[in-house]
Amino acid sequence: MKTLKDKVVLSTHDSFHLVEIKDIIYCQSENVYTTFFLISGDIIRVSVPIKTVEQLMKGKNFTRPHQSFLINLEHIKCINKLSEGELILTNNVHIPYSSRKKGNLLQLLDKFTRIQSHPQHIQIYKNTSS
């Protein structure tokens, strides 16, 4: 059953938006504003700094991989280890993560079940049907 703790009120200049926390994909900082990107495609901008949003979302599966972004861990689809460092979210948006935050991000991955290949276990099969 959903509770009030599962929602957040985003107050804009003309409305109060009641949003389920699980529906927030990520937040982006724009100076003293924070923009919320939701799974519905809605975008809500509030006049609150991202640092304040980060503090309010503490303990709710959010992390700050970069100074400009706060992301919902439930919406990470892929972490690209080979590039400059980026996360690909469920809406296919690419979010950078800073090298300083990489360790913290990898530590958060321990919350998930991990299936990992080890180099000594990888076999390469050649197609011999030609």
C-alpha atoms as a PDB file:
ATOM      1  CA  MET A   1       0.000   0.000   0.000  1.00  0.00           C
ATOM      2  CA  LYS A   2       1.252   3.453  -0.896  1.00  0.00           C
ATOM      3  CA  THR A   3       1.868   5.884   1.918  1.00  0.00           C
ATOM      4  CA  LEU A   4       2.486   9.609   2.064  1.00  0.00           C
ATOM      5  CA  LYS A   5       6.173   8.783   2.532  1.00  0.00           C
ATOM      6  CA  ASP A   6       6.146   7.438  -1.035  1.00  0.00           C
ATOM      7  CA  LYS A   7       5.318  10.900  -2.421  1.00  0.00           C
ATOM      8  CA  VAL A   8       6.892  14.326  -2.529  1.00  0.00           C
ATOM      9  CA  VAL A   9       5.215  17.686  -3.102  1.00  0.00           C
ATOM     10  CA  LEU A  10       6.946  19.801  -5.741  1.00  0.00           C
ATOM     11  CA  SER A  11       5.888  23.403  -5.305  1.00  0.00           C
ATOM     12  CA  THR A  12       6.090  25.626  -8.382  1.00  0.00           C
ATOM     13  CA  HIS A  13       4.969  29.243  -8.722  1.00  0.00           C
ATOM     14  CA  ASP A  14       1.443  28.154  -9.716  1.00  0.00           C
ATOM     15  CA  SER A  15       0.926  24.564  -8.465  1.00  0.00           C
ATOM     16  CA  PHE A  16       1.627  21.869  -5.922  1.00  0.00           C
ATOM     17  CA  HIS A  17       2.574  18.667  -7.765  1.00  0.00           C
ATOM     18  CA  LEU A  18       2.185  15.417  -5.785  1.00  0.00           C
ATOM     19  CA  VAL A  19       4.706  13.036  -7.304  1.00  0.00           C
ATOM     20  CA  GLU A  20       5.523   9.457  -6.387  1.00  0.00           C
ATOM     21  CA  ILE A  21       9.233   9.249  -5.577  1.00  0.00           C
ATOM     22  CA  LYS A  22       9.647   6.141  -7.735  1.00  0.00           C
ATOM     23  CA  ASP A  23       8.454   8.191 -10.737  1.00  0.00           C
ATOM     24  CA  ILE A  24      11.357  10.643 -10.494  1.00  0.00           C
ATOM     25  CA  ILE A  25      14.076   9.544 -12.929  1.00  0.00           C
ATOM     26  CA  TYR A  26      16.539  12.324 -12.166  1.00  0.00           C
ATOM     27  CA  CYS A  27      16.940  15.945 -11.153  1.00  0.00           C
ATOM     28  CA  GLN A  28      19.153  18.529 -12.796  1.00  0.00           C
ATOM     29  CA  SER A  29      20.587  21.654 -11.228  1.00  0.00           C
ATOM     30  CA  GLU A  30      20.212  25.059 -12.855  1.00  0.00           C
ATOM     31  CA  ASN A  31      21.736  27.511 -10.381  1.00  0.00           C
ATOM     32  CA  VAL A  32      19.122  27.944  -7.612  1.00  0.00           C
ATOM     33  CA  TYR A  33      16.561  25.877  -9.532  1.00  0.00           C
ATOM     34  CA  THR A  34      16.153  22.110  -9.749  1.00  0.00           C
ATOM     35  CA  THR A  35      14.352  20.448 -12.632  1.00  0.00           C
ATOM     36  CA  PHE A  36      12.660  17.078 -12.006  1.00  0.00           C
ATOM     37  CA  PHE A  37      12.345  14.633 -14.925  1.00  0.00           C
ATOM     38  CA  LEU A  38       9.542  12.104 -14.446  1.00  0.00           C
ATOM     39  CA  ILE A  39       8.743   8.768 -16.102  1.00  0.00           C
ATOM     40  CA  SER A  40       5.546  10.298 -17.504  1.00  0.00           C
ATOM     41  CA  GLY A  41       7.713  12.707 -19.497  1.00  0.00           C
ATOM     42  CA  ASP A  42       6.626  15.633 -17.313  1.00  0.00           C
ATOM     43  CA  ILE A  43       9.291  18.153 -16.364  1.00  0.00           C
ATOM     44  CA  ILE A  44       8.806  20.186 -13.193  1.00  0.00           C
ATOM     45  CA  ARG A  45      11.091  23.050 -12.216  1.00  0.00           C
ATOM     46  CA  VAL A  46      11.228  24.267  -8.621  1.00  0.00           C
ATOM     47  CA  SER A  47      13.147  27.155  -7.086  1.00  0.00           C
ATOM     48  CA  VAL A  48      15.145  25.012  -4.691  1.00  0.00           C
ATOM     49  CA  PRO A  49      18.877  24.248  -5.053  1.00  0.00           C
ATOM     50  CA  ILE A  50      19.797  20.645  -5.838  1.00  0.00           C
ATOM     51  CA  LYS A  51      21.809  20.405  -2.610  1.00  0.00           C
ATOM     52  CA  THR A  52      18.584  20.940  -0.636  1.00  0.00           C
ATOM     53  CA  VAL A  53      16.757  18.370  -2.784  1.00  0.00           C
ATOM     54  CA  GLU A  54      19.603  15.909  -2.160  1.00  0.00           C
ATOM     55  CA  GLN A  55      19.246  16.357   1.611  1.00  0.00           C
ATOM     56  CA  LEU A  56      15.462  15.904   1.459  1.00  0.00           C
ATOM     57  CA  MET A  57      15.798  12.727  -0.645  1.00  0.00           C
ATOM     58  CA  LYS A  58      18.381  11.145   1.661  1.00  0.00           C
ATOM     59  CA  GLY A  59      17.552   7.474   2.270  1.00  0.00           C
ATOM     60  CA  LYS A  60      15.250   7.286  -0.756  1.00  0.00           C
ATOM     61  CA  ASN A  61      17.606   5.588  -3.278  1.00  0.00           C
ATOM     62  CA  PHE A  62      18.989   8.769  -4.809  1.00  0.00           C
ATOM     63  CA  THR A  63      22.633   9.571  -5.440  1.00  0.00           C
ATOM     64  CA  ARG A  64      24.525  12.540  -6.786  1.00  0.00           C
ATOM     65  CA  PRO A  65      26.991  11.288  -9.419  1.00  0.00           C
ATOM     66  CA  HIS A  66      27.876  14.799 -10.569  1.00  0.00           C
ATOM     67  CA  GLN A  67      27.454  18.297  -9.161  1.00  0.00           C
ATOM     68  CA  SER A  68      24.600  19.023 -11.584  1.00  0.00           C
ATOM     69  CA  PHE A  69      22.592  15.804 -11.212  1.00  0.00           C
ATOM     70  CA  LEU A  70      20.704  13.769  -8.618  1.00  0.00           C
ATOM     71  CA  ILE A  71      19.510  10.397  -9.910  1.00  0.00           C
ATOM     72  CA  ASN A  72      17.120   7.708  -8.750  1.00  0.00           C
ATOM     73  CA  LEU A  73      19.084   4.435  -8.493  1.00  0.00           C
ATOM     74  CA  GLU A  74      15.990   2.531  -9.623  1.00  0.00           C
ATOM     75  CA  HIS A  75      16.283   4.209 -13.030  1.00  0.00           C
ATOM     76  CA  ILE A  76      19.893   3.342 -13.885  1.00  0.00           C
ATOM     77  CA  LYS A  77      19.920   1.123 -16.949  1.00  0.00           C
ATOM     78  CA  CYS A  78      23.656   1.003 -17.634  1.00  0.00           C
ATOM     79  CA  ILE A  79      26.932   2.338 -16.277  1.00  0.00           C
ATOM     80  CA  ASN A  80      29.457   2.889 -19.017  1.00  0.00           C
ATOM     81  CA  LYS A  81      32.852   2.082 -17.504  1.00  0.00           C
ATOM     82  CA  LEU A  82      34.879   2.638 -20.667  1.00  0.00           C
ATOM     83  CA  SER A  83      33.948   6.201 -21.573  1.00  0.00           C
ATOM     84  CA  GLU A  84      34.538   9.376 -19.610  1.00  0.00           C
ATOM     85  CA  GLY A  85      32.069   7.939 -17.131  1.00  0.00           C
ATOM     86  CA  GLU A  86      28.373   8.095 -17.766  1.00  0.00           C
ATOM     87  CA  LEU A  87      25.146   6.546 -16.598  1.00  0.00           C
ATOM     88  CA  ILE A  88      22.392   5.640 -19.006  1.00  0.00           C
ATOM     89  CA  LEU A  89      18.970   5.970 -17.443  1.00  0.00           C
ATOM     90  CA  THR A  90      15.716   4.181 -18.270  1.00  0.00           C
ATOM     91  CA  ASN A  91      14.639   7.126 -20.440  1.00  0.00           C
ATOM     92  CA  ASN A  92      17.941   6.762 -22.396  1.00  0.00           C
ATOM     93  CA  VAL A  93      19.347  10.035 -21.055  1.00  0.00           C
ATOM     94  CA  HIS A  94      23.128   9.949 -20.531  1.00  0.00           C
ATOM     95  CA  ILE A  95      24.269  11.455 -17.225  1.00  0.00           C
ATOM     96  CA  PRO A  96      27.974  12.046 -16.511  1.00  0.00           C
ATOM     97  CA  TYR A  97      29.520  10.905 -13.254  1.00  0.00           C
ATOM     98  CA  SER A  98      32.626  12.496 -11.869  1.00  0.00           C
ATOM     99  CA  SER A  99      35.737  10.422 -11.232  1.00  0.00           C
ATOM    100  CA  ARG A 100      35.575  11.519  -7.575  1.00  0.00           C
ATOM    101  CA  LYS A 101      32.101   9.974  -7.234  1.00  0.00           C
ATOM    102  CA  LYS A 102      32.880   6.709  -9.063  1.00  0.00           C
ATOM    103  CA  GLY A 103      33.796   4.802  -5.892  1.00  0.00           C
ATOM    104  CA  ASN A 104      30.609   5.872  -4.160  1.00  0.00           C
ATOM    105  CA  LEU A 105      28.563   4.890  -7.201  1.00  0.00           C
ATOM    106  CA  LEU A 106      30.162   1.434  -7.383  1.00  0.00           C
ATOM    107  CA  GLN A 107      29.534   0.988  -3.658  1.00  0.00           C
ATOM    108  CA  LEU A 108      25.842   1.717  -4.247  1.00  0.00           C
ATOM    109  CA  LEU A 109      25.775  -1.063  -6.853  1.00  0.00           C
ATOM    110  CA  ASP A 110      26.280  -3.538  -4.024  1.00  0.00           C
ATOM    111  CA  LYS A 111      22.559  -3.061  -3.291  1.00  0.00           C
ATOM    112  CA  PHE A 112      21.819  -4.946  -6.507  1.00  0.00           C
ATOM    113  CA  THR A 113      22.382  -8.595  -7.364  1.00  0.00           C
ATOM    114  CA  ARG A 114      25.437  -8.698  -9.610  1.00  0.00           C
ATOM    115  CA  ILE A 115      26.180 -11.273 -12.284  1.00  0.00           C
ATOM    116  CA  GLN A 116      29.728 -10.724 -13.421  1.00  0.00           C
ATOM    117  CA  SER A 117      32.037 -12.472 -15.809  1.00  0.00           C
ATOM    118  CA  HIS A 118      35.654 -12.980 -14.869  1.00  0.00           C
ATOM    119  CA  PRO A 119      38.326 -13.033 -17.582  1.00  0.00           C
ATOM    120  CA  GLN A 120      39.378 -16.586 -16.713  1.00  0.00           C
ATOM    121  CA  HIS A 121      35.783 -17.772 -17.269  1.00  0.00           C
ATOM    122  CA  ILE A 122      35.168 -16.127 -20.621  1.00  0.00           C
ATOM    123  CA  GLN A 123      35.306 -18.419 -23.639  1.00  0.00           C
ATOM    124  CA  ILE A 124      35.373 -17.210 -27.210  1.00  0.00           C
ATOM    125  CA  TYR A 125      33.586 -19.370 -29.739  1.00  0.00           C
ATOM    126  CA  LYS A 126      34.454 -19.132 -33.405  1.00  0.00           C
ATOM    127  CA  ASN A 127      31.832 -19.690 -36.030  1.00  0.00           C
ATOM    128  CA  THR A 128      33.162 -22.636 -38.098  1.00  0.00           C
ATOM    129  CA  SER A 129      30.119 -23.013 -40.332  1.00  0.00           C
ATOM    130  CA  SER A 130      31.618 -21.064 -43.265  1.00  0.00           C
END
